[in-house]
Amino acid sequence: MASCTYSVPDKNSTGDNFYGQFICKQVYVDYFWNTYGFNGNKNYWDDGFGWDDCCNTNQPLARTFNACYLLTYSADDYLNDNYDAPQNILQWGRRFVREKIDDLRSMCGDGSAIAATFGSDRTELYLGFFYTKDVPGRAETLCHEARHYDKPHNANFPAGSVFGAGKSGADSNWDYQGAWTFGAGYLWWFFAAGARTTSALRERARQRGNLVIDNAFATHPGFNI
């Protein structure tokens, strides 16, 4: 990328090789570009970010497309994205993301955040999103950021949190139904019932979900995945 420094992690472990074999079809490229907030933002996804090489999973655009594929097709009955599907965010998570995020931008960032949502205006994705998160984790982040269109964080991280004990950015509890609940909930359902994936990626989702549960709520929910 023109002005960013990054290294590409093992793409087998992150799931980029697995999902990358599916995304390089024009029908998917067109659907993701027009549905998940990319459209109109070419200037944020070119110049080394992947616009001219959208199948290259070393670059941010294809790595984001992988997350969009996972969001779109991980429910067994992926055609059912009704919000009344029985509390299964695998069913309606893709709908939630596409209805909330209509301006998705790629940037280098300064290392202080994975992603950020600015009111109801836009969502920005940074290098950490593309290169420190696996594909399920990127889908989690999209659900997390989509929730910020309705709710901000409302608490500080608890003692010992890997996200920075005492710093702002936590949710008060699970029942607040904030961004951390939506992200962890997605990972939980992906682990429990994710289709068109691998057992290794489902296990990685479980581990990430438990990390969120243990570290992102001022009051621990009292359960783990």
C-alpha atoms as a PDB file:
ATOM      1  CA  MET A   1       0.000   0.000   0.000  1.00  0.00           C
ATOM      2  CA  ALA A   2       1.269   3.442  -0.891  1.00  0.00           C
ATOM      3  CA  SER A   3       1.825   4.913   2.572  1.00  0.00           C
ATOM      4  CA  CYS A   4       1.235   2.026   4.994  1.00  0.00           C
ATOM      5  CA  THR A   5       3.656  -0.511   6.427  1.00  0.00           C
ATOM      6  CA  TYR A   6       2.253  -3.973   7.056  1.00  0.00           C
ATOM      7  CA  SER A   7       3.038  -7.669   6.917  1.00  0.00           C
ATOM      8  CA  VAL A   8       0.668 -10.409   5.823  1.00  0.00           C
ATOM      9  CA  PRO A   9       0.113 -13.151   8.437  1.00  0.00           C
ATOM     10  CA  ASP A  10      -0.335 -16.849   7.653  1.00  0.00           C
ATOM     11  CA  LYS A  11      -3.378 -16.887   5.400  1.00  0.00           C
ATOM     12  CA  ASN A  12      -4.227 -20.490   6.199  1.00  0.00           C
ATOM     13  CA  SER A  13      -4.671 -19.732   9.886  1.00  0.00           C
ATOM     14  CA  THR A  14      -6.595 -16.492   9.302  1.00  0.00           C
ATOM     15  CA  GLY A  15      -8.969 -18.123   6.832  1.00  0.00           C
ATOM     16  CA  ASP A  16      -7.997 -15.852   3.945  1.00  0.00           C
ATOM     17  CA  ASN A  17      -6.908 -18.762   1.766  1.00  0.00           C
ATOM     18  CA  PHE A  18     -10.120 -20.649   2.512  1.00  0.00           C
ATOM     19  CA  TYR A  19     -12.504 -17.754   1.794  1.00  0.00           C
ATOM     20  CA  GLY A  20     -10.308 -16.291  -0.918  1.00  0.00           C
ATOM     21  CA  GLN A  21     -11.089 -19.239  -3.191  1.00  0.00           C
ATOM     22  CA  PHE A  22     -14.743 -18.133  -3.341  1.00  0.00           C
ATOM     23  CA  ILE A  23     -14.698 -14.346  -3.641  1.00  0.00           C
ATOM     24  CA  CYS A  24     -12.997 -14.000  -7.023  1.00  0.00           C
ATOM     25  CA  LYS A  25     -16.156 -14.141  -9.086  1.00  0.00           C
ATOM     26  CA  GLN A  26     -17.651 -11.037 -10.631  1.00  0.00           C
ATOM     27  CA  VAL A  27     -21.076 -11.753  -9.148  1.00  0.00           C
ATOM     28  CA  TYR A  28     -19.609 -11.673  -5.618  1.00  0.00           C
ATOM     29  CA  VAL A  29     -17.370  -8.684  -6.267  1.00  0.00           C
ATOM     30  CA  ASP A  30     -20.336  -6.702  -7.584  1.00  0.00           C
ATOM     31  CA  TYR A  31     -22.613  -7.776  -4.738  1.00  0.00           C
ATOM     32  CA  PHE A  32     -20.161  -6.956  -1.973  1.00  0.00           C
ATOM     33  CA  TRP A  33     -19.099  -3.646  -3.540  1.00  0.00           C
ATOM     34  CA  ASN A  34     -22.650  -2.448  -4.031  1.00  0.00           C
ATOM     35  CA  THR A  35     -24.089  -3.820  -0.784  1.00  0.00           C
ATOM     36  CA  TYR A  36     -21.607  -3.322   2.054  1.00  0.00           C
ATOM     37  CA  GLY A  37     -20.753   0.364   1.812  1.00  0.00           C
ATOM     38  CA  PHE A  38     -17.864   0.346  -0.662  1.00  0.00           C
ATOM     39  CA  ASN A  39     -19.742   1.944  -3.553  1.00  0.00           C
ATOM     40  CA  GLY A  40     -18.686   5.561  -4.105  1.00  0.00           C
ATOM     41  CA  ASN A  41     -15.492   5.087  -2.097  1.00  0.00           C
ATOM     42  CA  LYS A  42     -13.037   4.004  -4.793  1.00  0.00           C
ATOM     43  CA  ASN A  43     -10.571   6.663  -3.649  1.00  0.00           C
ATOM     44  CA  TYR A  44     -10.325   4.919  -0.263  1.00  0.00           C
ATOM     45  CA  TRP A  45      -9.782   1.459  -1.725  1.00  0.00           C
ATOM     46  CA  ASP A  46      -7.330   2.107  -4.572  1.00  0.00           C
ATOM     47  CA  ASP A  47      -3.629   3.073  -4.546  1.00  0.00           C
ATOM     48  CA  GLY A  48      -2.512  -0.274  -3.146  1.00  0.00           C
ATOM     49  CA  PHE A  49      -5.574  -1.078  -1.042  1.00  0.00           C
ATOM     50  CA  GLY A  50      -6.859  -3.530  -3.651  1.00  0.00           C
ATOM     51  CA  TRP A  51      -9.397  -1.845  -5.916  1.00  0.00           C
ATOM     52  CA  ASP A  52      -7.455  -2.851  -9.025  1.00  0.00           C
ATOM     53  CA  ASP A  53      -6.581  -6.316  -7.639  1.00  0.00           C
ATOM     54  CA  CYS A  54      -9.677  -7.371  -5.730  1.00  0.00           C
ATOM     55  CA  CYS A  55      -8.815 -11.094  -5.667  1.00  0.00           C
ATOM     56  CA  ASN A  56      -5.442 -10.516  -3.994  1.00  0.00           C
ATOM     57  CA  THR A  57      -5.921 -11.535  -0.362  1.00  0.00           C
ATOM     58  CA  ASN A  58      -2.658  -9.868   0.599  1.00  0.00           C
ATOM     59  CA  GLN A  59      -4.457  -6.545   0.175  1.00  0.00           C
ATOM     60  CA  PRO A  60      -7.212  -4.934   2.249  1.00  0.00           C
ATOM     61  CA  LEU A  61     -10.111  -5.054  -0.214  1.00  0.00           C
ATOM     62  CA  ALA A  62     -10.026  -8.814  -0.768  1.00  0.00           C
ATOM     63  CA  ARG A  63      -9.513  -9.390   2.956  1.00  0.00           C
ATOM     64  CA  THR A  64     -12.635  -7.328   3.591  1.00  0.00           C
ATOM     65  CA  PHE A  65     -14.514  -9.176   0.850  1.00  0.00           C
ATOM     66  CA  ASN A  66     -13.632 -12.388   2.705  1.00  0.00           C
ATOM     67  CA  ALA A  67     -15.402 -11.025   5.786  1.00  0.00           C
ATOM     68  CA  CYS A  68     -18.382 -10.035   3.639  1.00  0.00           C
ATOM     69  CA  TYR A  69     -18.556 -13.567   2.221  1.00  0.00           C
ATOM     70  CA  LEU A  70     -18.496 -15.018   5.724  1.00  0.00           C
ATOM     71  CA  LEU A  71     -21.229 -12.610   6.846  1.00  0.00           C
ATOM     72  CA  THR A  72     -23.385 -13.411   3.840  1.00  0.00           C
ATOM     73  CA  TYR A  73     -23.144 -17.190   3.688  1.00  0.00           C
ATOM     74  CA  SER A  74     -22.345 -18.559   7.164  1.00  0.00           C
ATOM     75  CA  ALA A  75     -25.933 -19.257   8.182  1.00  0.00           C
ATOM     76  CA  ASP A  76     -27.157 -22.668   7.086  1.00  0.00           C
ATOM     77  CA  ASP A  77     -30.285 -20.997   5.676  1.00  0.00           C
ATOM     78  CA  TYR A  78     -28.507 -17.877   4.490  1.00  0.00           C
ATOM     79  CA  LEU A  79     -31.477 -16.667   2.451  1.00  0.00           C
ATOM     80  CA  ASN A  80     -33.379 -16.015   5.682  1.00  0.00           C
ATOM     81  CA  ASP A  81     -32.110 -12.710   7.057  1.00  0.00           C
ATOM     82  CA  ASN A  82     -35.315 -11.766   8.862  1.00  0.00           C
ATOM     83  CA  TYR A  83     -34.803 -10.019  12.174  1.00  0.00           C
ATOM     84  CA  ASP A  84     -37.303 -12.410  13.737  1.00  0.00           C
ATOM     85  CA  ALA A  85     -35.058 -15.385  13.028  1.00  0.00           C
ATOM     86  CA  PRO A  86     -34.725 -16.939  16.495  1.00  0.00           C
ATOM     87  CA  GLN A  87     -32.097 -14.625  17.985  1.00  0.00           C
ATOM     88  CA  ASN A  88     -29.566 -16.022  15.520  1.00  0.00           C
ATOM     89  CA  ILE A  89     -27.306 -13.216  14.356  1.00  0.00           C
ATOM     90  CA  LEU A  90     -25.874 -15.545  11.714  1.00  0.00           C
ATOM     91  CA  GLN A  91     -29.227 -15.132   9.964  1.00  0.00           C
ATOM     92  CA  TRP A  92     -29.631 -11.363  10.182  1.00  0.00           C
ATOM     93  CA  GLY A  93     -26.112 -10.098  10.836  1.00  0.00           C
ATOM     94  CA  ARG A  94     -25.409  -9.444   7.165  1.00  0.00           C
ATOM     95  CA  ARG A  95     -28.653  -7.482   6.842  1.00  0.00           C
ATOM     96  CA  PHE A  96     -27.818  -5.470   9.939  1.00  0.00           C
ATOM     97  CA  VAL A  97     -24.367  -4.554   8.620  1.00  0.00           C
ATOM     98  CA  ARG A  98     -25.544  -3.615   5.153  1.00  0.00           C
ATOM     99  CA  GLU A  99     -28.456  -1.525   6.477  1.00  0.00           C
ATOM    100  CA  LYS A 100     -26.317   0.390   8.965  1.00  0.00           C
ATOM    101  CA  ILE A 101     -23.006   0.896   7.155  1.00  0.00           C
ATOM    102  CA  ASP A 102     -23.379   2.661   3.816  1.00  0.00           C
ATOM    103  CA  ASP A 103     -19.989   4.430   3.802  1.00  0.00           C
ATOM    104  CA  LEU A 104     -17.051   2.058   4.391  1.00  0.00           C
ATOM    105  CA  ARG A 105     -13.515   3.383   4.033  1.00  0.00           C
ATOM    106  CA  SER A 106     -10.052   1.853   4.236  1.00  0.00           C
ATOM    107  CA  MET A 107      -7.215   3.777   5.872  1.00  0.00           C
ATOM    108  CA  CYS A 108      -3.834   3.122   7.429  1.00  0.00           C
ATOM    109  CA  GLY A 109      -4.736   4.436  10.874  1.00  0.00           C
ATOM    110  CA  ASP A 110      -2.296   5.311  13.630  1.00  0.00           C
ATOM    111  CA  GLY A 111      -2.402   1.972  15.438  1.00  0.00           C
ATOM    112  CA  SER A 112      -4.780   3.149  18.162  1.00  0.00           C
ATOM    113  CA  ALA A 113      -7.887   1.456  16.766  1.00  0.00           C
ATOM    114  CA  ILE A 114      -8.962  -1.487  14.624  1.00  0.00           C
ATOM    115  CA  ALA A 115     -11.910   0.454  13.217  1.00  0.00           C
ATOM    116  CA  ALA A 116     -13.995   3.507  14.056  1.00  0.00           C
ATOM    117  CA  THR A 117     -17.510   4.709  13.336  1.00  0.00           C
ATOM    118  CA  PHE A 118     -18.255   8.416  13.246  1.00  0.00           C
ATOM    119  CA  GLY A 119     -21.854   9.046  14.275  1.00  0.00           C
ATOM    120  CA  SER A 120     -24.140   7.980  11.460  1.00  0.00           C
ATOM    121  CA  ASP A 121     -21.682   9.287   8.869  1.00  0.00           C
ATOM    122  CA  ARG A 122     -19.104   6.599   8.063  1.00  0.00           C
ATOM    123  CA  THR A 123     -17.053   3.622   9.231  1.00  0.00           C
ATOM    124  CA  GLU A 124     -13.293   3.507   8.775  1.00  0.00           C
ATOM    125  CA  LEU A 125     -11.214   0.316   8.777  1.00  0.00           C
ATOM    126  CA  TYR A 126      -7.535   0.414   9.718  1.00  0.00           C
ATOM    127  CA  LEU A 127      -4.510  -1.838   9.276  1.00  0.00           C
ATOM    128  CA  GLY A 128      -5.302  -3.795  12.434  1.00  0.00           C
ATOM    129  CA  PHE A 129      -8.614  -4.853  10.922  1.00  0.00           C
ATOM    130  CA  PHE A 130      -6.934  -6.259   7.838  1.00  0.00           C
ATOM    131  CA  TYR A 131      -3.771  -7.761   9.334  1.00  0.00           C
ATOM    132  CA  THR A 132      -4.293  -8.594  13.020  1.00  0.00           C
ATOM    133  CA  LYS A 133      -7.770 -10.119  12.706  1.00  0.00           C
ATOM    134  CA  ASP A 134      -8.783 -13.374  11.081  1.00  0.00           C
ATOM    135  CA  VAL A 135     -11.814 -13.539   8.805  1.00  0.00           C
ATOM    136  CA  PRO A 136     -14.353 -14.299  11.587  1.00  0.00           C
ATOM    137  CA  GLY A 137     -12.819 -11.470  13.614  1.00  0.00           C
ATOM    138  CA  ARG A 138     -13.301  -9.062  10.729  1.00  0.00           C
ATOM    139  CA  ALA A 139     -16.951 -10.085  10.460  1.00  0.00           C
ATOM    140  CA  GLU A 140     -17.210  -9.501  14.216  1.00  0.00           C
ATOM    141  CA  THR A 141     -15.780  -6.008  13.753  1.00  0.00           C
ATOM    142  CA  LEU A 142     -18.301  -5.149  11.050  1.00  0.00           C
ATOM    143  CA  CYS A 143     -21.142  -6.217  13.365  1.00  0.00           C
ATOM    144  CA  HIS A 144     -19.530  -4.269  16.211  1.00  0.00           C
ATOM    145  CA  GLU A 145     -19.186  -1.094  14.166  1.00  0.00           C
ATOM    146  CA  ALA A 146     -22.688  -1.423  12.713  1.00  0.00           C
ATOM    147  CA  ARG A 147     -24.060  -1.452  16.264  1.00  0.00           C
ATOM    148  CA  HIS A 148     -22.348   1.894  16.906  1.00  0.00           C
ATOM    149  CA  TYR A 149     -24.822   3.537  14.571  1.00  0.00           C
ATOM    150  CA  ASP A 150     -27.330   3.051  17.391  1.00  0.00           C
ATOM    151  CA  LYS A 151     -25.297   2.752  20.596  1.00  0.00           C
ATOM    152  CA  PRO A 152     -21.956   4.052  21.894  1.00  0.00           C
ATOM    153  CA  HIS A 153     -19.827   2.349  24.519  1.00  0.00           C
ATOM    154  CA  ASN A 154     -20.925   3.389  28.013  1.00  0.00           C
ATOM    155  CA  ALA A 155     -18.295   2.129  30.472  1.00  0.00           C
ATOM    156  CA  ASN A 156     -14.609   1.644  31.210  1.00  0.00           C
ATOM    157  CA  PHE A 157     -12.755  -1.616  30.717  1.00  0.00           C
ATOM    158  CA  PRO A 158     -12.478  -3.754  33.861  1.00  0.00           C
ATOM    159  CA  ALA A 159      -9.328  -4.473  35.868  1.00  0.00           C
ATOM    160  CA  GLY A 160      -6.934  -6.691  33.959  1.00  0.00           C
ATOM    161  CA  SER A 161      -8.598  -6.106  30.598  1.00  0.00           C
ATOM    162  CA  VAL A 162      -6.386  -6.697  27.577  1.00  0.00           C
ATOM    163  CA  PHE A 163      -8.127  -3.708  25.990  1.00  0.00           C
ATOM    164  CA  GLY A 164      -6.756  -1.323  28.634  1.00  0.00           C
ATOM    165  CA  ALA A 165      -7.953  -1.523  32.216  1.00  0.00           C
ATOM    166  CA  GLY A 166      -9.770   1.637  33.269  1.00  0.00           C
ATOM    167  CA  LYS A 167      -9.916   3.100  29.783  1.00  0.00           C
ATOM    168  CA  SER A 168     -13.178   4.031  28.124  1.00  0.00           C
ATOM    169  CA  GLY A 169     -14.556   1.832  25.366  1.00  0.00           C
ATOM    170  CA  ALA A 170     -16.256  -0.985  27.268  1.00  0.00           C
ATOM    171  CA  ASP A 171     -19.927  -1.798  27.577  1.00  0.00           C
ATOM    172  CA  SER A 172     -21.490  -1.802  31.028  1.00  0.00           C
ATOM    173  CA  ASN A 173     -22.902  -5.333  30.763  1.00  0.00           C
ATOM    174  CA  TRP A 174     -24.190  -7.890  28.284  1.00  0.00           C
ATOM    175  CA  ASP A 175     -27.789  -6.710  28.596  1.00  0.00           C
ATOM    176  CA  TYR A 176     -26.828  -3.235  27.420  1.00  0.00           C
ATOM    177  CA  GLN A 177     -26.828  -4.920  23.994  1.00  0.00           C
ATOM    178  CA  GLY A 178     -24.006  -2.730  22.778  1.00  0.00           C
ATOM    179  CA  ALA A 179     -21.321  -3.263  20.172  1.00  0.00           C
ATOM    180  CA  TRP A 180     -19.364  -5.801  22.222  1.00  0.00           C
ATOM    181  CA  THR A 181     -22.487  -7.920  22.745  1.00  0.00           C
ATOM    182  CA  PHE A 182     -23.232  -7.908  19.033  1.00  0.00           C
ATOM    183  CA  GLY A 183     -19.649  -8.817  18.141  1.00  0.00           C
ATOM    184  CA  ALA A 184     -19.329 -11.582  20.721  1.00  0.00           C
ATOM    185  CA  GLY A 185     -22.813 -12.822  19.889  1.00  0.00           C
ATOM    186  CA  TYR A 186     -21.875 -13.161  16.251  1.00  0.00           C
ATOM    187  CA  LEU A 187     -18.731 -15.109  17.107  1.00  0.00           C
ATOM    188  CA  TRP A 188     -20.726 -17.363  19.439  1.00  0.00           C
ATOM    189  CA  TRP A 189     -23.276 -18.238  16.776  1.00  0.00           C
ATOM    190  CA  PHE A 190     -20.536 -18.712  14.186  1.00  0.00           C
ATOM    191  CA  PHE A 191     -18.789 -21.181  16.498  1.00  0.00           C
ATOM    192  CA  ALA A 192     -22.020 -23.006  17.300  1.00  0.00           C
ATOM    193  CA  ALA A 193     -23.640 -23.134  13.886  1.00  0.00           C
ATOM    194  CA  GLY A 194     -21.422 -21.579  11.227  1.00  0.00           C
ATOM    195  CA  ALA A 195     -21.764 -23.214   7.812  1.00  0.00           C
ATOM    196  CA  ARG A 196     -19.483 -23.152   4.753  1.00  0.00           C
ATOM    197  CA  THR A 197     -16.411 -22.781   6.952  1.00  0.00           C
ATOM    198  CA  THR A 198     -13.869 -24.941   8.801  1.00  0.00           C
ATOM    199  CA  SER A 199     -13.783 -26.341  12.320  1.00  0.00           C
ATOM    200  CA  ALA A 200     -10.514 -24.472  12.921  1.00  0.00           C
ATOM    201  CA  LEU A 201     -12.089 -21.105  12.102  1.00  0.00           C
ATOM    202  CA  ARG A 202     -15.088 -21.880  14.281  1.00  0.00           C
ATOM    203  CA  GLU A 203     -12.722 -22.632  17.156  1.00  0.00           C
ATOM    204  CA  ARG A 204     -10.842 -19.372  16.572  1.00  0.00           C
ATOM    205  CA  ALA A 205     -14.188 -17.577  16.748  1.00  0.00           C
ATOM    206  CA  ARG A 206     -14.921 -19.231  20.102  1.00  0.00           C
ATOM    207  CA  GLN A 207     -11.556 -18.131  21.483  1.00  0.00           C
ATOM    208  CA  ARG A 208     -12.019 -14.554  20.273  1.00  0.00           C
ATOM    209  CA  GLY A 209     -15.567 -14.485  21.615  1.00  0.00           C
ATOM    210  CA  ASN A 210     -14.388 -15.525  25.070  1.00  0.00           C
ATOM    211  CA  LEU A 211     -11.646 -12.899  24.994  1.00  0.00           C
ATOM    212  CA  VAL A 212     -14.316 -10.254  24.352  1.00  0.00           C
ATOM    213  CA  ILE A 213     -16.604 -11.635  27.066  1.00  0.00           C
ATOM    214  CA  ASP A 214     -13.784 -11.685  29.614  1.00  0.00           C
ATOM    215  CA  ASN A 215     -12.353  -8.258  28.831  1.00  0.00           C
ATOM    216  CA  ALA A 216     -14.877  -5.888  27.224  1.00  0.00           C
ATOM    217  CA  PHE A 217     -17.630  -5.577  29.839  1.00  0.00           C
ATOM    218  CA  ALA A 218     -17.434  -3.553  33.042  1.00  0.00           C
ATOM    219  CA  THR A 219     -19.511  -6.295  34.661  1.00  0.00           C
ATOM    220  CA  HIS A 220     -18.631  -9.785  33.450  1.00  0.00           C
ATOM    221  CA  PRO A 221     -21.624 -11.510  31.838  1.00  0.00           C
ATOM    222  CA  GLY A 222     -21.120 -14.573  34.045  1.00  0.00           C
ATOM    223  CA  PHE A 223     -20.735 -17.071  31.208  1.00  0.00           C
ATOM    224  CA  ASN A 224     -18.366 -18.091  28.446  1.00  0.00           C
ATOM    225  CA  ILE A 225     -18.687 -19.792  25.094  1.00  0.00           C
END
